[in-house]
Amino acid sequence: MQAAYITLSILIVIASILLTIVVLLQNSKGGGLAANFATGNQTFGVRQTADFLEKATWTLAFTIIVLCVAATFVIPERSSRHSNIKTQIEQTVPVEGTPEIPVATPVEAE
């Protein structure tokens, strides 16, 4: 179980880095980094490059969501040597009766 969790965590990090790169490559209104790669109307046109980057963005975002949900199902259980707060609370003995509140007695001036 722990190996699956580590594998999913690594895949989430890789997909996040790729998503960051793809978003930075997209052509914004002011040009962006995609303008450097879309010189002229070569094999990929400007529109085809934008379509590819948009599809890659949505695919990577969906992949990250699916991987995060899958990772929650394979989170390894804690070992028994760690303190478990729930167990400690359940094992406490309830105090019978009402608690006594300490009352401060006034100091008499002599």
Protein backbone atom coordinates (compact mmCIF):
# COMPACT_ATOMS: atom_id res chain seq x y z
CA MET A 1 0.00 0.00 0.00
CA GLN A 2 2.78 2.40 0.86
CA ALA A 3 4.53 1.82 -2.49
CA ALA A 4 1.31 2.67 -4.35
CA TYR A 5 0.94 5.87 -2.34
CA ILE A 6 4.52 6.93 -3.06
CA THR A 7 4.09 6.13 -6.76
CA LEU A 8 0.88 8.18 -6.96
CA SER A 9 2.54 11.06 -5.12
CA ILE A 10 5.44 11.09 -7.58
CA LEU A 11 3.03 11.01 -10.53
CA ILE A 12 1.09 13.95 -9.04
CA VAL A 13 4.29 15.99 -8.73
CA ILE A 14 5.35 15.16 -12.31
CA ALA A 15 1.89 16.02 -13.69
CA SER A 16 1.91 19.29 -11.73
CA ILE A 17 5.28 20.30 -13.15
CA LEU A 18 4.11 19.46 -16.68
CA LEU A 19 0.91 21.44 -16.15
CA THR A 20 2.95 24.44 -15.04
CA ILE A 21 5.11 24.23 -18.16
CA VAL A 22 2.10 23.87 -20.48
CA VAL A 23 0.36 26.86 -18.89
CA LEU A 24 3.49 28.98 -19.30
CA LEU A 25 3.73 27.99 -22.97
CA GLN A 26 0.21 29.10 -23.78
CA ASN A 27 -0.25 32.21 -25.84
CA SER A 28 -1.68 34.97 -23.72
CA LYS A 29 -3.14 38.20 -25.04
CA GLY A 30 0.28 39.81 -24.82
CA GLY A 31 2.20 37.15 -26.72
CA GLY A 32 3.59 34.72 -24.17
CA LEU A 33 6.20 32.03 -24.59
CA ALA A 34 4.15 30.25 -27.27
CA ALA A 35 4.86 33.13 -29.65
CA ASN A 36 8.51 32.07 -29.76
CA PHE A 37 7.60 28.57 -30.93
CA ALA A 38 4.89 29.59 -33.39
CA THR A 39 7.02 31.45 -35.89
CA GLY A 40 5.29 31.56 -39.21
CA ASN A 41 2.79 29.01 -40.43
CA GLN A 42 4.91 25.86 -40.37
CA THR A 43 3.77 22.28 -39.83
CA PHE A 44 1.78 23.29 -36.78
CA GLY A 45 -0.16 26.46 -37.26
CA VAL A 46 -0.73 28.92 -34.45
CA ARG A 47 -4.28 27.65 -34.00
CA GLN A 48 -3.20 23.98 -33.90
CA THR A 49 -0.54 24.78 -31.30
CA ALA A 50 -3.08 26.59 -29.14
CA ASP A 51 -5.53 23.68 -29.47
CA PHE A 52 -2.85 21.19 -28.45
CA LEU A 53 -1.80 23.26 -25.44
CA GLU A 54 -5.41 23.71 -24.35
CA LYS A 55 -6.11 19.96 -24.61
CA ALA A 56 -2.89 19.21 -22.74
CA THR A 57 -3.90 21.63 -19.97
CA TRP A 58 -7.31 20.03 -19.47
CA THR A 59 -5.87 16.51 -19.68
CA LEU A 60 -3.18 17.21 -17.11
CA ALA A 61 -5.62 18.97 -14.78
CA PHE A 62 -8.04 16.03 -14.98
CA THR A 63 -5.15 13.60 -14.44
CA ILE A 64 -4.04 15.45 -11.29
CA ILE A 65 -7.59 15.37 -9.90
CA VAL A 66 -7.93 11.63 -10.57
CA LEU A 67 -4.51 10.89 -9.06
CA CYS A 68 -5.30 12.92 -5.94
CA VAL A 69 -8.58 11.07 -5.42
CA ALA A 70 -6.84 7.73 -5.98
CA ALA A 71 -4.11 8.70 -3.51
CA THR A 72 -6.67 9.27 -0.77
CA PHE A 73 -7.83 5.66 -1.10
CA VAL A 74 -4.34 4.19 -0.74
CA ILE A 75 -3.06 6.32 2.15
CA PRO A 76 -1.12 3.93 4.37
CA GLU A 77 -2.47 3.31 7.87
CA ARG A 78 -0.42 4.51 10.78
CA SER A 79 1.48 1.88 12.67
CA SER A 80 0.38 0.90 16.17
CA ARG A 81 3.48 2.38 17.79
CA HIS A 82 2.23 5.92 17.13
CA SER A 83 -0.11 7.38 19.72
CA ASN A 84 -3.69 7.32 18.63
CA ILE A 85 -5.70 10.18 20.10
CA LYS A 86 -9.05 8.49 19.51
CA THR A 87 -7.96 5.41 21.47
CA GLN A 88 -6.65 7.56 24.30
CA ILE A 89 -9.93 9.47 24.53
CA GLU A 90 -11.99 6.27 24.54
CA GLN A 91 -9.82 4.77 27.30
CA THR A 92 -10.14 7.70 29.67
CA VAL A 93 -12.26 7.04 32.72
CA PRO A 94 -15.07 9.55 33.13
CA VAL A 95 -15.07 11.43 36.42
CA GLU A 96 -18.14 10.68 38.48
CA GLY A 97 -20.03 13.53 40.07
CA THR A 98 -19.49 17.20 39.58
CA PRO A 99 -16.04 18.67 39.64
CA GLU A 100 -15.07 20.77 42.62
CA ILE A 101 -14.14 24.30 41.78
CA PRO A 102 -11.42 25.70 44.00
CA VAL A 103 -12.56 28.76 45.87
CA ALA A 104 -10.04 31.38 46.83
CA THR A 105 -10.41 32.46 50.41
CA PRO A 106 -9.89 36.12 51.13
CA VAL A 107 -6.80 36.93 53.13
CA GLU A 108 -7.71 38.66 56.35
CA ALA A 109 -5.77 41.79 57.04
CA GLU A 110 -4.36 41.93 60.56
